[in-house]
PDB file of N, CA and C in Angstrom:
ATOM      1  N   MET A   1       0.866  -1.430  -0.163  1.00  0.00           N
ATOM      2  CA  MET A   1       0.082   0.006   0.054  1.00  0.00           C
ATOM      3  C   MET A   1       0.887   1.320  -0.076  1.00  0.00           C
ATOM      4  N   ARG A   2       0.515   2.233  -0.766  1.00  0.00           N
ATOM      5  CA  ARG A   2       1.480   3.478  -0.944  1.00  0.00           C
ATOM      6  C   ARG A   2       1.041   4.626   0.069  1.00  0.00           C
ATOM      7  N   GLY A   3       0.043   4.158   0.958  1.00  0.00           N
ATOM      8  CA  GLY A   3      -0.335   5.304   2.190  1.00  0.00           C
ATOM      9  C   GLY A   3      -1.244   6.490   1.559  1.00  0.00           C
ATOM     10  N   LEU A   4      -2.139   6.176   0.227  1.00  0.00           N
ATOM     11  CA  LEU A   4      -2.639   7.213  -0.453  1.00  0.00           C
ATOM     12  C   LEU A   4      -4.112   7.192   0.288  1.00  0.00           C
ATOM     13  N   MET A   5      -4.589   6.159   0.734  1.00  0.00           N
ATOM     14  CA  MET A   5      -5.983   5.955   1.303  1.00  0.00           C
ATOM     15  C   MET A   5      -6.003   5.011   2.413  1.00  0.00           C
ATOM     16  N   GLU A   6      -6.973   4.936   3.203  1.00  0.00           N
ATOM     17  CA  GLU A   6      -7.154   4.037   4.174  1.00  0.00           C
ATOM     18  C   GLU A   6      -8.692   3.785   4.490  1.00  0.00           C
ATOM     19  N   ARG A   7      -8.895   2.642   4.712  1.00  0.00           N
ATOM     20  CA  ARG A   7     -10.302   2.195   5.184  1.00  0.00           C
ATOM     21  C   ARG A   7     -10.665   2.292   6.656  1.00  0.00           C
ATOM     22  N   ARG A   8     -11.625   3.062   6.893  1.00  0.00           N
ATOM     23  CA  ARG A   8     -11.974   3.147   8.431  1.00  0.00           C
ATOM     24  C   ARG A   8     -13.494   2.628   8.711  1.00  0.00           C
ATOM     25  N   ARG A   9     -13.783   2.098   9.782  1.00  0.00           N
ATOM     26  CA  ARG A   9     -15.108   1.780  10.059  1.00  0.00           C
ATOM     27  C   ARG A   9     -16.143   2.839  10.258  1.00  0.00           C
ATOM     28  N   ASN A  10     -17.142   2.795   9.798  1.00  0.00           N
ATOM     29  CA  ASN A  10     -18.230   3.711  10.026  1.00  0.00           C
ATOM     30  C   ASN A  10     -18.617   3.723  11.368  1.00  0.00           C
ATOM     31  N   PRO A  11     -18.705   5.060  12.111  1.00  0.00           N
ATOM     32  CA  PRO A  11     -18.851   4.956  13.623  1.00  0.00           C
ATOM     33  C   PRO A  11     -20.354   4.774  13.782  1.00  0.00           C
ATOM     34  N   THR A  12     -21.246   4.904  13.049  1.00  0.00           N
ATOM     35  CA  THR A  12     -22.677   4.412  13.298  1.00  0.00           C
ATOM     36  C   THR A  12     -22.841   3.115  12.615  1.00  0.00           C
ATOM     37  N   ASP A  13     -22.277   2.576  11.877  1.00  0.00           N
ATOM     38  CA  ASP A  13     -22.443   1.211  11.453  1.00  0.00           C
ATOM     39  C   ASP A  13     -21.346   0.335  11.308  1.00  0.00           C
ATOM     40  N   ARG A  14     -21.237  -0.347  12.234  1.00  0.00           N
ATOM     41  CA  ARG A  14     -20.055  -1.183  12.330  1.00  0.00           C
ATOM     42  C   ARG A  14     -19.700  -2.099  11.160  1.00  0.00           C
ATOM     43  N   ARG A  15     -20.981  -2.673  10.306  1.00  0.00           N
ATOM     44  CA  ARG A  15     -20.750  -3.161   9.158  1.00  0.00           C
ATOM     45  C   ARG A  15     -20.152  -2.607   7.961  1.00  0.00           C
ATOM     46  N   ALA A  16     -20.094  -1.372   7.923  1.00  0.00           N
ATOM     47  CA  ALA A  16     -19.793  -0.546   6.669  1.00  0.00           C
ATOM     48  C   ALA A  16     -18.124   0.121   6.973  1.00  0.00           C
ATOM     49  N   HIS A  17     -17.696   0.192   6.016  1.00  0.00           N
ATOM     50  CA  HIS A  17     -16.430   0.853   6.115  1.00  0.00           C
ATOM     51  C   HIS A  17     -16.295   2.197   4.969  1.00  0.00           C
ATOM     52  N   ALA A  18     -15.596   3.020   5.258  1.00  0.00           N
ATOM     53  CA  ALA A  18     -15.393   4.165   4.507  1.00  0.00           C
ATOM     54  C   ALA A  18     -13.876   4.287   3.993  1.00  0.00           C
ATOM     55  N   VAL A  19     -13.569   4.925   2.661  1.00  0.00           N
ATOM     56  CA  VAL A  19     -12.384   5.156   2.252  1.00  0.00           C
ATOM     57  C   VAL A  19     -11.927   6.602   2.293  1.00  0.00           C
ATOM     58  N   HIS A  20     -11.039   6.842   3.130  1.00  0.00           N
ATOM     59  CA  HIS A  20     -10.494   8.129   3.408  1.00  0.00           C
ATOM     60  C   HIS A  20      -9.219   8.443   2.516  1.00  0.00           C
ATOM     61  N   VAL A  21      -9.264   9.683   2.000  1.00  0.00           N
ATOM     62  CA  VAL A  21      -8.091  10.239   1.325  1.00  0.00           C
ATOM     63  C   VAL A  21      -7.070  10.631   2.295  1.00  0.00           C
ATOM     64  N   LEU A  22      -5.936  10.313   2.271  1.00  0.00           N
ATOM     65  CA  LEU A  22      -4.845  10.859   3.176  1.00  0.00           C
ATOM     66  C   LEU A  22      -4.034  11.954   2.429  1.00  0.00           C
ATOM     67  N   PRO A  23      -3.208  12.633   3.134  1.00  0.00           N
ATOM     68  CA  PRO A  23      -2.516  13.773   2.349  1.00  0.00           C
ATOM     69  C   PRO A  23      -1.550  13.479   1.562  1.00  0.00           C
ATOM     70  N   ALA A  24      -0.926  12.100   1.355  1.00  0.00           N
ATOM     71  CA  ALA A  24      -0.087  12.047   0.336  1.00  0.00           C
ATOM     72  C   ALA A  24      -0.814  11.719  -0.888  1.00  0.00           C
ATOM     73  N   ASP A  25      -2.242  11.338  -0.820  1.00  0.00           N
ATOM     74  CA  ASP A  25      -2.891  11.331  -1.931  1.00  0.00           C
ATOM     75  C   ASP A  25      -3.386  12.616  -2.518  1.00  0.00           C
ATOM     76  N   ARG A  26      -3.563  13.333  -1.893  1.00  0.00           N
ATOM     77  CA  ARG A  26      -3.901  14.830  -2.160  1.00  0.00           C
ATOM     78  C   ARG A  26      -2.753  15.462  -2.974  1.00  0.00           C
ATOM     79  N   SER A  27      -1.591  15.176  -2.197  1.00  0.00           N
ATOM     80  CA  SER A  27      -0.308  15.681  -2.854  1.00  0.00           C
ATOM     81  C   SER A  27      -0.229  15.147  -4.279  1.00  0.00           C
ATOM     82  N   LEU A  28      -0.163  13.828  -4.381  1.00  0.00           N
ATOM     83  CA  LEU A  28      -0.066  13.253  -5.442  1.00  0.00           C
ATOM     84  C   LEU A  28      -1.101  13.640  -6.676  1.00  0.00           C
ATOM     85  N   HIS A  29      -2.232  14.049  -6.366  1.00  0.00           N
ATOM     86  CA  HIS A  29      -3.364  14.475  -7.222  1.00  0.00           C
ATOM     87  C   HIS A  29      -3.037  15.709  -7.543  1.00  0.00           C
ATOM     88  N   ALA A  30      -2.176  16.546  -6.817  1.00  0.00           N
ATOM     89  CA  ALA A  30      -1.856  17.789  -7.299  1.00  0.00           C
ATOM     90  C   ALA A  30      -0.887  17.700  -8.173  1.00  0.00           C
ATOM     91  N   GLU A  31       0.090  16.955  -8.093  1.00  0.00           N
ATOM     92  CA  GLU A  31       1.192  16.884  -9.252  1.00  0.00           C
ATOM     93  C   GLU A  31       0.500  16.211 -10.342  1.00  0.00           C
ATOM     94  N   ALA A  32      -0.411  15.321 -10.240  1.00  0.00           N
ATOM     95  CA  ALA A  32      -0.833  14.869 -11.403  1.00  0.00           C
ATOM     96  C   ALA A  32      -1.885  15.633 -12.392  1.00  0.00           C
ATOM     97  N   GLU A  33      -2.541  16.340 -11.697  1.00  0.00           N
ATOM     98  CA  GLU A  33      -3.657  17.349 -12.488  1.00  0.00           C
ATOM     99  C   GLU A  33      -2.971  17.890 -13.601  1.00  0.00           C
ATOM    100  N   PRO A  34      -1.961  18.959 -13.374  1.00  0.00           N
ATOM    101  CA  PRO A  34      -1.287  19.558 -14.655  1.00  0.00           C
ATOM    102  C   PRO A  34      -1.049  18.728 -15.894  1.00  0.00           C
ATOM    103  N   VAL A  35      -0.469  17.413 -15.234  1.00  0.00           N
ATOM    104  CA  VAL A  35       0.121  16.518 -16.391  1.00  0.00           C
ATOM    105  C   VAL A  35      -1.082  15.828 -17.216  1.00  0.00           C
ATOM    106  N   VAL A  36      -2.182  15.683 -16.603  1.00  0.00           N
ATOM    107  CA  VAL A  36      -3.553  15.187 -17.175  1.00  0.00           C
ATOM    108  C   VAL A  36      -3.966  16.284 -18.153  1.00  0.00           C
ATOM    109  N   ASN A  37      -4.220  17.408 -17.427  1.00  0.00           N
ATOM    110  CA  ASN A  37      -4.498  18.529 -18.428  1.00  0.00           C
ATOM    111  C   ASN A  37      -3.659  18.975 -19.221  1.00  0.00           C
ATOM    112  N   GLY A  38      -2.338  18.868 -19.345  1.00  0.00           N
ATOM    113  CA  GLY A  38      -1.867  18.953 -20.457  1.00  0.00           C
ATOM    114  C   GLY A  38      -1.902  17.825 -21.604  1.00  0.00           C
ATOM    115  N   PHE A  39      -2.021  16.641 -21.214  1.00  0.00           N
ATOM    116  CA  PHE A  39      -2.392  15.515 -22.201  1.00  0.00           C
ATOM    117  C   PHE A  39      -3.635  15.713 -22.863  1.00  0.00           C
ATOM    118  N   GLU A  40      -4.585  16.244 -22.068  1.00  0.00           N
ATOM    119  CA  GLU A  40      -6.013  16.247 -22.726  1.00  0.00           C
ATOM    120  C   GLU A  40      -5.960  17.489 -23.582  1.00  0.00           C
ATOM    121  N   ALA A  41      -5.139  18.752 -23.136  1.00  0.00           N
ATOM    122  CA  ALA A  41      -4.969  19.848 -24.125  1.00  0.00           C
ATOM    123  C   ALA A  41      -4.406  19.362 -25.516  1.00  0.00           C
ATOM    124  N   ARG A  42      -3.472  18.362 -25.366  1.00  0.00           N
ATOM    125  CA  ARG A  42      -2.808  17.989 -26.548  1.00  0.00           C
ATOM    126  C   ARG A  42      -3.554  17.048 -27.290  1.00  0.00           C
ATOM    127  N   VAL A  43      -4.392  16.287 -26.958  1.00  0.00           N
ATOM    128  CA  VAL A  43      -5.117  15.328 -27.666  1.00  0.00           C
ATOM    129  C   VAL A  43      -6.247  15.888 -28.238  1.00  0.00           C
ATOM    130  N   PHE A  44      -7.011  16.601 -27.562  1.00  0.00           N
ATOM    131  CA  PHE A  44      -8.222  17.347 -27.868  1.00  0.00           C
ATOM    132  C   PHE A  44      -8.106  19.045 -28.495  1.00  0.00           C
ATOM    133  N   GLY A  45      -6.764  19.357 -28.442  1.00  0.00           N
ATOM    134  CA  GLY A  45      -6.423  20.671 -28.961  1.00  0.00           C
ATOM    135  C   GLY A  45      -7.036  21.285 -30.249  1.00  0.00           C
ATOM    136  N   GLY A  46      -7.354  20.323 -31.292  1.00  0.00           N
ATOM    137  CA  GLY A  46      -7.769  20.600 -32.212  1.00  0.00           C
ATOM    138  C   GLY A  46      -9.119  20.765 -32.365  1.00  0.00           C
ATOM    139  N   LEU A  47      -9.908  20.512 -31.121  1.00  0.00           N
ATOM    140  CA  LEU A  47     -11.226  20.419 -31.231  1.00  0.00           C
ATOM    141  C   LEU A  47     -11.717  21.514 -30.458  1.00  0.00           C
ATOM    142  N   LYS A  48     -12.953  21.943 -30.585  1.00  0.00           N
ATOM    143  CA  LYS A  48     -13.840  22.839 -29.618  1.00  0.00           C
ATOM    144  C   LYS A  48     -14.351  21.951 -28.358  1.00  0.00           C
ATOM    145  N   PRO A  49     -14.441  22.612 -27.262  1.00  0.00           N
ATOM    146  CA  PRO A  49     -14.899  21.801 -26.192  1.00  0.00           C
ATOM    147  C   PRO A  49     -16.182  20.861 -26.343  1.00  0.00           C
ATOM    148  N   ASP A  50     -17.060  21.264 -27.256  1.00  0.00           N
ATOM    149  CA  ASP A  50     -18.262  20.633 -27.434  1.00  0.00           C
ATOM    150  C   ASP A  50     -18.084  19.345 -28.382  1.00  0.00           C
ATOM    151  N   GLU A  51     -17.069  19.471 -29.191  1.00  0.00           N
ATOM    152  CA  GLU A  51     -16.536  18.512 -30.218  1.00  0.00           C
ATOM    153  C   GLU A  51     -15.871  17.691 -29.236  1.00  0.00           C
ATOM    154  N   ALA A  52     -15.058  17.985 -28.486  1.00  0.00           N
ATOM    155  CA  ALA A  52     -14.039  17.070 -27.606  1.00  0.00           C
ATOM    156  C   ALA A  52     -15.063  15.984 -26.791  1.00  0.00           C
ATOM    157  N   GLN A  53     -16.195  16.711 -26.248  1.00  0.00           N
ATOM    158  CA  GLN A  53     -17.157  16.030 -25.523  1.00  0.00           C
ATOM    159  C   GLN A  53     -17.964  14.923 -26.304  1.00  0.00           C
ATOM    160  N   THR A  54     -18.179  15.338 -27.653  1.00  0.00           N
ATOM    161  CA  THR A  54     -18.923  14.627 -28.431  1.00  0.00           C
ATOM    162  C   THR A  54     -18.118  13.325 -28.896  1.00  0.00           C
ATOM    163  N   PHE A  55     -16.751  13.590 -29.195  1.00  0.00           N
ATOM    164  CA  PHE A  55     -15.877  12.773 -29.549  1.00  0.00           C
ATOM    165  C   PHE A  55     -15.769  11.517 -28.468  1.00  0.00           C
ATOM    166  N   VAL A  56     -15.461  12.128 -27.382  1.00  0.00           N
ATOM    167  CA  VAL A  56     -15.210  10.975 -25.906  1.00  0.00           C
ATOM    168  C   VAL A  56     -16.788  10.196 -25.951  1.00  0.00           C
ATOM    169  N   THR A  57     -17.707  10.697 -25.891  1.00  0.00           N
ATOM    170  CA  THR A  57     -18.999  10.498 -25.786  1.00  0.00           C
ATOM    171  C   THR A  57     -19.382   9.152 -27.036  1.00  0.00           C
ATOM    172  N   LEU A  58     -18.920   9.220 -28.249  1.00  0.00           N
ATOM    173  CA  LEU A  58     -19.106   8.454 -29.281  1.00  0.00           C
ATOM    174  C   LEU A  58     -17.861   7.298 -29.125  1.00  0.00           C
ATOM    175  N   LEU A  59     -16.872   7.504 -28.408  1.00  0.00           N
ATOM    176  CA  LEU A  59     -15.675   6.538 -28.460  1.00  0.00           C
ATOM    177  C   LEU A  59     -16.142   5.655 -27.326  1.00  0.00           C
ATOM    178  N   LYS A  60     -16.911   6.241 -26.197  1.00  0.00           N
ATOM    179  CA  LYS A  60     -17.501   5.244 -24.942  1.00  0.00           C
ATOM    180  C   LYS A  60     -18.355   4.385 -25.866  1.00  0.00           C
ATOM    181  N   ARG A  61     -19.297   4.722 -26.616  1.00  0.00           N
ATOM    182  CA  ARG A  61     -20.188   3.937 -27.183  1.00  0.00           C
ATOM    183  C   ARG A  61     -19.602   2.945 -28.217  1.00  0.00           C
ATOM    184  N   VAL A  62     -18.427   3.276 -28.851  1.00  0.00           N
ATOM    185  CA  VAL A  62     -17.764   2.358 -29.911  1.00  0.00           C
ATOM    186  C   VAL A  62     -17.257   1.321 -28.891  1.00  0.00           C
ATOM    187  N   PHE A  63     -16.380   1.706 -27.828  1.00  0.00           N
ATOM    188  CA  PHE A  63     -16.201   0.761 -27.027  1.00  0.00           C
ATOM    189  C   PHE A  63     -17.124  -0.176 -26.235  1.00  0.00           C
ATOM    190  N   VAL A  64     -18.051   0.264 -26.004  1.00  0.00           N
ATOM    191  CA  VAL A  64     -19.100  -0.760 -25.404  1.00  0.00           C
ATOM    192  C   VAL A  64     -19.756  -1.597 -26.559  1.00  0.00           C
ATOM    193  N   HIS A  65     -19.996  -1.127 -27.585  1.00  0.00           N
ATOM    194  CA  HIS A  65     -20.734  -1.856 -28.671  1.00  0.00           C
ATOM    195  C   HIS A  65     -19.509  -2.976 -29.137  1.00  0.00           C
ATOM    196  N   ALA A  66     -18.372  -2.634 -29.179  1.00  0.00           N
ATOM    197  CA  ALA A  66     -17.390  -3.796 -29.721  1.00  0.00           C
ATOM    198  C   ALA A  66     -17.041  -4.564 -28.500  1.00  0.00           C
ATOM    199  N   ARG A  67     -17.594  -4.348 -27.289  1.00  0.00           N
ATOM    200  CA  ARG A  67     -17.163  -4.967 -26.194  1.00  0.00           C
ATOM    201  C   ARG A  67     -15.799  -5.013 -25.706  1.00  0.00           C
ATOM    202  N   LEU A  68     -15.229  -3.803 -25.743  1.00  0.00           N
ATOM    203  CA  LEU A  68     -13.789  -3.562 -25.591  1.00  0.00           C
ATOM    204  C   LEU A  68     -13.837  -2.691 -24.245  1.00  0.00           C
ATOM    205  N   ASP A  69     -15.012  -2.776 -23.370  1.00  0.00           N
ATOM    206  CA  ASP A  69     -15.028  -2.110 -22.393  1.00  0.00           C
ATOM    207  C   ASP A  69     -14.759  -2.531 -20.983  1.00  0.00           C
ATOM    208  N   HIS A  70     -14.392  -3.971 -21.140  1.00  0.00           N
ATOM    209  CA  HIS A  70     -14.227  -4.839 -19.907  1.00  0.00           C
ATOM    210  C   HIS A  70     -13.134  -4.633 -18.968  1.00  0.00           C
ATOM    211  N   GLY A  71     -12.004  -3.853 -19.775  1.00  0.00           N
ATOM    212  CA  GLY A  71     -10.963  -3.502 -18.592  1.00  0.00           C
ATOM    213  C   GLY A  71     -11.201  -2.028 -18.301  1.00  0.00           C
ATOM    214  N   LEU A  72     -12.034  -1.212 -18.810  1.00  0.00           N
ATOM    215  CA  LEU A  72     -12.175   0.004 -18.414  1.00  0.00           C
ATOM    216  C   LEU A  72     -12.705   0.339 -16.944  1.00  0.00           C
ATOM    217  N   HIS A  73     -12.341   1.363 -16.325  1.00  0.00           N
ATOM    218  CA  HIS A  73     -12.847   1.661 -15.079  1.00  0.00           C
ATOM    219  C   HIS A  73     -14.244   2.243 -15.322  1.00  0.00           C
ATOM    220  N   PRO A  74     -15.187   1.869 -14.404  1.00  0.00           N
ATOM    221  CA  PRO A  74     -16.669   2.069 -14.628  1.00  0.00           C
ATOM    222  C   PRO A  74     -17.178   3.634 -14.768  1.00  0.00           C
ATOM    223  N   GLY A  75     -15.991   4.296 -13.966  1.00  0.00           N
ATOM    224  CA  GLY A  75     -16.328   5.792 -14.219  1.00  0.00           C
ATOM    225  C   GLY A  75     -15.980   6.131 -15.447  1.00  0.00           C
ATOM    226  N   LEU A  76     -15.026   5.633 -16.250  1.00  0.00           N
ATOM    227  CA  LEU A  76     -14.950   6.248 -17.602  1.00  0.00           C
ATOM    228  C   LEU A  76     -16.131   6.030 -18.482  1.00  0.00           C
ATOM    229  N   LEU A  77     -16.848   4.993 -18.115  1.00  0.00           N
ATOM    230  CA  LEU A  77     -18.043   4.818 -18.858  1.00  0.00           C
ATOM    231  C   LEU A  77     -19.444   5.391 -18.621  1.00  0.00           C
ATOM    232  N   ALA A  78     -19.374   6.128 -17.493  1.00  0.00           N
ATOM    233  CA  ALA A  78     -20.316   6.788 -16.791  1.00  0.00           C
ATOM    234  C   ALA A  78     -20.848   7.788 -17.711  1.00  0.00           C
ATOM    235  N   PRO A  79     -22.325   8.043 -17.784  1.00  0.00           N
ATOM    236  CA  PRO A  79     -22.494   9.307 -18.432  1.00  0.00           C
ATOM    237  C   PRO A  79     -22.254  10.434 -17.682  1.00  0.00           C
ATOM    238  N   GLY A  80     -22.209  11.482 -18.461  1.00  0.00           N
ATOM    239  CA  GLY A  80     -21.730  12.805 -17.796  1.00  0.00           C
ATOM    240  C   GLY A  80     -20.757  13.500 -18.736  1.00  0.00           C
ATOM    241  N   PRO A  81     -20.094  14.315 -18.242  1.00  0.00           N
ATOM    242  CA  PRO A  81     -19.294  15.478 -19.007  1.00  0.00           C
ATOM    243  C   PRO A  81     -17.939  14.438 -19.576  1.00  0.00           C
ATOM    244  N   ALA A  82     -17.478  14.630 -20.606  1.00  0.00           N
ATOM    245  CA  ALA A  82     -16.465  13.974 -21.236  1.00  0.00           C
ATOM    246  C   ALA A  82     -14.966  14.662 -20.366  1.00  0.00           C
ATOM    247  N   PRO A  83     -13.938  13.975 -20.266  1.00  0.00           N
ATOM    248  CA  PRO A  83     -12.850  14.310 -19.471  1.00  0.00           C
ATOM    249  C   PRO A  83     -12.419  15.846 -20.138  1.00  0.00           C
ATOM    250  N   ALA A  84     -12.466  16.024 -21.382  1.00  0.00           N
ATOM    251  CA  ALA A  84     -12.206  17.369 -22.031  1.00  0.00           C
ATOM    252  C   ALA A  84     -12.833  18.401 -21.708  1.00  0.00           C
ATOM    253  N   GLY A  85     -13.977  17.987 -20.883  1.00  0.00           N
ATOM    254  CA  GLY A  85     -14.893  19.058 -20.555  1.00  0.00           C
ATOM    255  C   GLY A  85     -14.173  19.924 -19.216  1.00  0.00           C
ATOM    256  N   ARG A  86     -13.331  19.383 -18.631  1.00  0.00           N
ATOM    257  CA  ARG A  86     -12.616  20.008 -17.541  1.00  0.00           C
ATOM    258  C   ARG A  86     -11.709  21.297 -17.878  1.00  0.00           C
ATOM    259  N   ARG A  87     -11.602  21.392 -18.945  1.00  0.00           N
ATOM    260  CA  ARG A  87     -10.528  22.562 -19.495  1.00  0.00           C
ATOM    261  C   ARG A  87     -11.383  23.799 -19.073  1.00  0.00           C
TER     262      ARG A  87
END
């Protein structure tokens, strides 16, 4: 374990656990965010924001239809704004 998160018991329900983000994870996230944003700007730089969102939405549908989505994180396939919408 890299010490980025930890599971803690829910104080009101002993059967449940919650995942808590630790300071090291926040630091790593702060380092990674500009790298991700730069990558997205490079990949989607030739597209307008709405075009980039449409592209990602269509790409998700292609992956699902071709059954190539089995290794993708469920959050990537969730409906909502495309990653390029963060700019």
